[in-house]
Structures are given as C-alpha cells and as structure tokens.
C-alpha cells in the first residue's frame, strides 16, 4: 500500500500509514515495512527521518539485514 501511495506522489500519507501501523497492537511490524518507508523517505531526501526510523526499528528488536543497511547507504 505504501509503495502505491509513493507512485501517486502521496509520500506524506505513506508515512502516516506507517505511523498508524506502528501503534496497532495486533499488527506485527516486519523489517520489510521499515525498508519500504525508509526507501520512500530516502528518495524524498528525508535522510534524518530515515535514520530515526532505522533506529526505531532496532528499538523494536527488529534485526536489520543487508536490505536495511542498503537503504541507509543509498540514502
């Protein structure tokens, strides 16, 4: 859903969906969700926000893989 929002230029709404999912008690956040929003924000040049989301992923005990680090490197 977030990728479709990005394609339509609705990046802010994609971030809102991400934030909404984070607070849902029954929704299991996975690394791929974090990677998706970090990619969207990185392409928008929001590197500080990408770093914050990456840190939040680690705070949620989601182990970063090469995909997460690739997004950080590519910015």
N, C-alpha and C. Protein backbone atom coordinates (compact mmCIF):
# COMPACT_ATOMS: atom_id res chain seq x y z
N UNK A 1 0.82 -1.18 0.00
CA UNK A 1 0.00 0.00 0.00
C UNK A 1 0.87 1.26 0.00
N UNK A 2 1.94 1.24 0.78
CA UNK A 2 2.79 2.43 0.86
C UNK A 2 3.50 2.68 -0.46
N UNK A 3 3.89 1.63 -1.17
CA UNK A 3 4.54 1.82 -2.47
C UNK A 3 3.57 2.42 -3.48
N UNK A 4 2.32 2.00 -3.43
CA UNK A 4 1.32 2.58 -4.32
C UNK A 4 1.11 4.05 -4.01
N UNK A 5 1.13 4.40 -2.75
CA UNK A 5 1.00 5.80 -2.36
C UNK A 5 2.16 6.61 -2.91
N UNK A 6 3.36 6.06 -2.83
CA UNK A 6 4.52 6.77 -3.35
C UNK A 6 4.37 7.00 -4.86
N UNK A 7 3.91 5.98 -5.57
CA UNK A 7 3.74 6.12 -7.02
C UNK A 7 2.75 7.22 -7.37
N UNK A 8 1.79 7.44 -6.50
CA UNK A 8 0.81 8.52 -6.72
C UNK A 8 1.28 9.86 -6.17
N UNK A 9 2.49 9.87 -5.58
CA UNK A 9 3.02 11.11 -5.03
C UNK A 9 2.53 11.42 -3.63
N UNK A 10 1.96 10.44 -2.97
CA UNK A 10 1.39 10.65 -1.64
C UNK A 10 2.36 10.13 -0.57
N UNK A 11 3.56 10.67 -0.57
CA UNK A 11 4.58 10.19 0.37
C UNK A 11 4.23 10.51 1.82
N UNK A 12 3.65 11.65 2.04
CA UNK A 12 3.26 12.02 3.41
C UNK A 12 2.21 11.04 3.95
N UNK A 13 1.28 10.65 3.09
CA UNK A 13 0.26 9.70 3.51
C UNK A 13 0.88 8.32 3.78
N UNK A 14 1.91 7.95 3.01
CA UNK A 14 2.60 6.69 3.25
C UNK A 14 3.23 6.70 4.64
N UNK A 15 3.81 7.81 5.02
CA UNK A 15 4.40 7.94 6.36
C UNK A 15 3.30 7.85 7.43
N UNK A 16 2.15 8.44 7.15
CA UNK A 16 1.04 8.35 8.10
C UNK A 16 0.56 6.92 8.28
N UNK A 17 0.50 6.16 7.19
CA UNK A 17 0.13 4.75 7.27
C UNK A 17 1.16 3.99 8.11
N UNK A 18 2.43 4.25 7.87
CA UNK A 18 3.50 3.60 8.63
C UNK A 18 3.33 3.89 10.12
N UNK A 19 3.13 5.17 10.46
CA UNK A 19 2.97 5.55 11.88
C UNK A 19 1.73 4.88 12.48
N UNK A 20 0.67 4.78 11.71
CA UNK A 20 -0.55 4.13 12.17
C UNK A 20 -0.28 2.65 12.47
N UNK A 21 0.43 1.98 11.58
CA UNK A 21 0.72 0.56 11.78
C UNK A 21 1.60 0.33 13.00
N UNK A 22 2.47 1.27 13.28
CA UNK A 22 3.37 1.14 14.43
C UNK A 22 2.62 1.04 15.75
N UNK A 23 1.49 1.70 15.85
CA UNK A 23 0.77 1.74 17.13
C UNK A 23 -0.34 0.69 17.23
N UNK A 24 -0.51 -0.10 16.19
CA UNK A 24 -1.53 -1.14 16.23
C UNK A 24 -1.01 -2.34 17.01
N UNK A 25 -1.68 -2.68 18.12
CA UNK A 25 -1.15 -3.74 18.99
C UNK A 25 -1.13 -5.12 18.35
N UNK A 26 -2.02 -5.39 17.43
CA UNK A 26 -2.08 -6.73 16.85
C UNK A 26 -1.34 -6.84 15.52
N UNK A 27 -0.75 -5.74 15.08
CA UNK A 27 -0.03 -5.76 13.80
C UNK A 27 1.44 -5.98 14.06
N UNK A 28 2.01 -6.98 13.41
CA UNK A 28 3.42 -7.29 13.59
C UNK A 28 4.25 -6.51 12.56
N UNK A 29 5.04 -5.59 13.06
CA UNK A 29 5.92 -4.82 12.17
C UNK A 29 7.07 -5.73 11.75
N UNK A 30 7.37 -5.71 10.46
CA UNK A 30 8.47 -6.51 9.92
C UNK A 30 9.50 -5.57 9.30
N UNK A 31 10.66 -6.11 9.09
CA UNK A 31 11.73 -5.30 8.51
C UNK A 31 11.31 -4.73 7.15
N UNK A 32 10.62 -5.50 6.34
CA UNK A 32 10.24 -5.04 5.01
C UNK A 32 9.40 -3.77 5.05
N UNK A 33 8.57 -3.63 6.06
CA UNK A 33 7.75 -2.42 6.19
C UNK A 33 8.66 -1.23 6.47
N UNK A 34 9.63 -1.44 7.35
CA UNK A 34 10.59 -0.37 7.65
C UNK A 34 11.41 -0.02 6.41
N UNK A 35 11.87 -1.03 5.70
CA UNK A 35 12.68 -0.79 4.50
C UNK A 35 11.88 -0.01 3.46
N UNK A 36 10.61 -0.35 3.31
CA UNK A 36 9.76 0.34 2.34
C UNK A 36 9.64 1.82 2.66
N UNK A 37 9.33 2.15 3.90
CA UNK A 37 9.15 3.57 4.24
C UNK A 37 10.49 4.29 4.23
N UNK A 38 11.57 3.62 4.61
CA UNK A 38 12.88 4.27 4.55
C UNK A 38 13.27 4.55 3.10
N UNK A 39 12.95 3.65 2.19
CA UNK A 39 13.23 3.88 0.77
C UNK A 39 12.45 5.07 0.24
N UNK A 40 11.18 5.13 0.59
CA UNK A 40 10.33 6.25 0.15
C UNK A 40 10.89 7.57 0.65
N UNK A 41 11.21 7.61 1.93
CA UNK A 41 11.72 8.85 2.51
C UNK A 41 13.11 9.20 2.00
N UNK A 42 13.92 8.19 1.75
CA UNK A 42 15.26 8.43 1.21
C UNK A 42 15.20 9.07 -0.16
N UNK A 43 14.29 8.59 -1.01
CA UNK A 43 14.13 9.19 -2.35
C UNK A 43 13.61 10.62 -2.27
N UNK A 44 12.96 10.95 -1.16
CA UNK A 44 12.46 12.31 -0.96
C UNK A 44 13.52 13.20 -0.32
N UNK A 45 14.65 12.61 0.09
CA UNK A 45 15.72 13.38 0.69
C UNK A 45 15.58 13.60 2.18
N UNK A 46 14.72 12.85 2.82
CA UNK A 46 14.47 12.98 4.26
C UNK A 46 15.38 12.03 5.03
N UNK A 47 16.69 12.25 4.92
CA UNK A 47 17.65 11.31 5.48
C UNK A 47 17.64 11.28 7.00
N UNK A 48 17.36 12.38 7.64
CA UNK A 48 17.27 12.40 9.10
C UNK A 48 16.12 11.52 9.57
N UNK A 49 15.02 11.58 8.86
CA UNK A 49 13.86 10.76 9.21
C UNK A 49 14.15 9.28 8.94
N UNK A 50 14.89 9.00 7.88
CA UNK A 50 15.29 7.63 7.59
C UNK A 50 16.13 7.08 8.74
N UNK A 51 17.05 7.88 9.22
CA UNK A 51 17.90 7.46 10.34
C UNK A 51 17.06 7.21 11.59
N UNK A 52 16.10 8.08 11.85
CA UNK A 52 15.23 7.90 13.02
C UNK A 52 14.41 6.62 12.92
N UNK A 53 13.89 6.34 11.74
CA UNK A 53 13.09 5.13 11.54
C UNK A 53 13.97 3.90 11.69
N UNK A 54 15.19 3.96 11.15
CA UNK A 54 16.12 2.85 11.31
C UNK A 54 16.40 2.60 12.79
N UNK A 55 16.63 3.64 13.54
CA UNK A 55 16.87 3.50 14.98
C UNK A 55 15.66 2.91 15.67
N UNK A 56 14.47 3.36 15.25
CA UNK A 56 13.23 2.83 15.82
C UNK A 56 13.06 1.35 15.54
N UNK A 57 13.49 0.93 14.38
CA UNK A 57 13.42 -0.48 14.02
C UNK A 57 14.27 -1.30 14.99
N UNK A 58 15.46 -0.81 15.27
CA UNK A 58 16.34 -1.52 16.21
C UNK A 58 15.75 -1.48 17.62
N UNK A 59 15.10 -0.36 17.98
CA UNK A 59 14.46 -0.26 19.30
C UNK A 59 13.31 -1.26 19.45
N UNK A 60 12.69 -1.63 18.33
CA UNK A 60 11.60 -2.61 18.34
C UNK A 60 12.11 -4.04 18.23
N UNK A 61 13.41 -4.21 18.37
CA UNK A 61 14.06 -5.52 18.31
C UNK A 61 13.88 -6.22 16.97
N UNK A 62 13.86 -5.42 15.91
CA UNK A 62 13.85 -5.96 14.56
C UNK A 62 15.28 -5.87 14.06
N UNK A 63 15.86 -6.99 13.78
CA UNK A 63 17.26 -7.04 13.39
C UNK A 63 17.43 -6.57 11.94
N UNK A 64 18.22 -5.52 11.73
CA UNK A 64 18.45 -5.04 10.36
C UNK A 64 19.24 -6.07 9.55
N UNK A 65 18.87 -6.19 8.29
CA UNK A 65 19.61 -7.05 7.37
C UNK A 65 20.28 -6.17 6.34
N UNK A 66 20.86 -6.80 5.35
CA UNK A 66 21.54 -6.07 4.29
C UNK A 66 20.58 -5.11 3.58
N UNK A 67 19.30 -5.44 3.53
CA UNK A 67 18.32 -4.56 2.87
C UNK A 67 18.20 -3.22 3.61
N UNK A 68 18.15 -3.29 4.92
CA UNK A 68 18.05 -2.06 5.71
C UNK A 68 19.29 -1.20 5.56
N UNK A 69 20.44 -1.83 5.63
CA UNK A 69 21.68 -1.08 5.51
C UNK A 69 21.86 -0.52 4.09
N UNK A 70 21.37 -1.23 3.11
CA UNK A 70 21.44 -0.73 1.72
C UNK A 70 20.66 0.56 1.56
N UNK A 71 19.49 0.61 2.20
CA UNK A 71 18.69 1.84 2.14
C UNK A 71 19.44 2.99 2.81
N UNK A 72 20.07 2.72 3.93
CA UNK A 72 20.84 3.78 4.60
C UNK A 72 21.99 4.28 3.72
N UNK A 73 22.67 3.37 3.08
CA UNK A 73 23.81 3.74 2.25
C UNK A 73 23.37 4.51 1.01
N UNK A 74 22.28 4.06 0.39
CA UNK A 74 21.84 4.70 -0.86
C UNK A 74 21.17 6.04 -0.60
N UNK A 75 20.66 6.20 0.62
CA UNK A 75 20.06 7.48 1.01
C UNK A 75 18.97 7.86 0.12
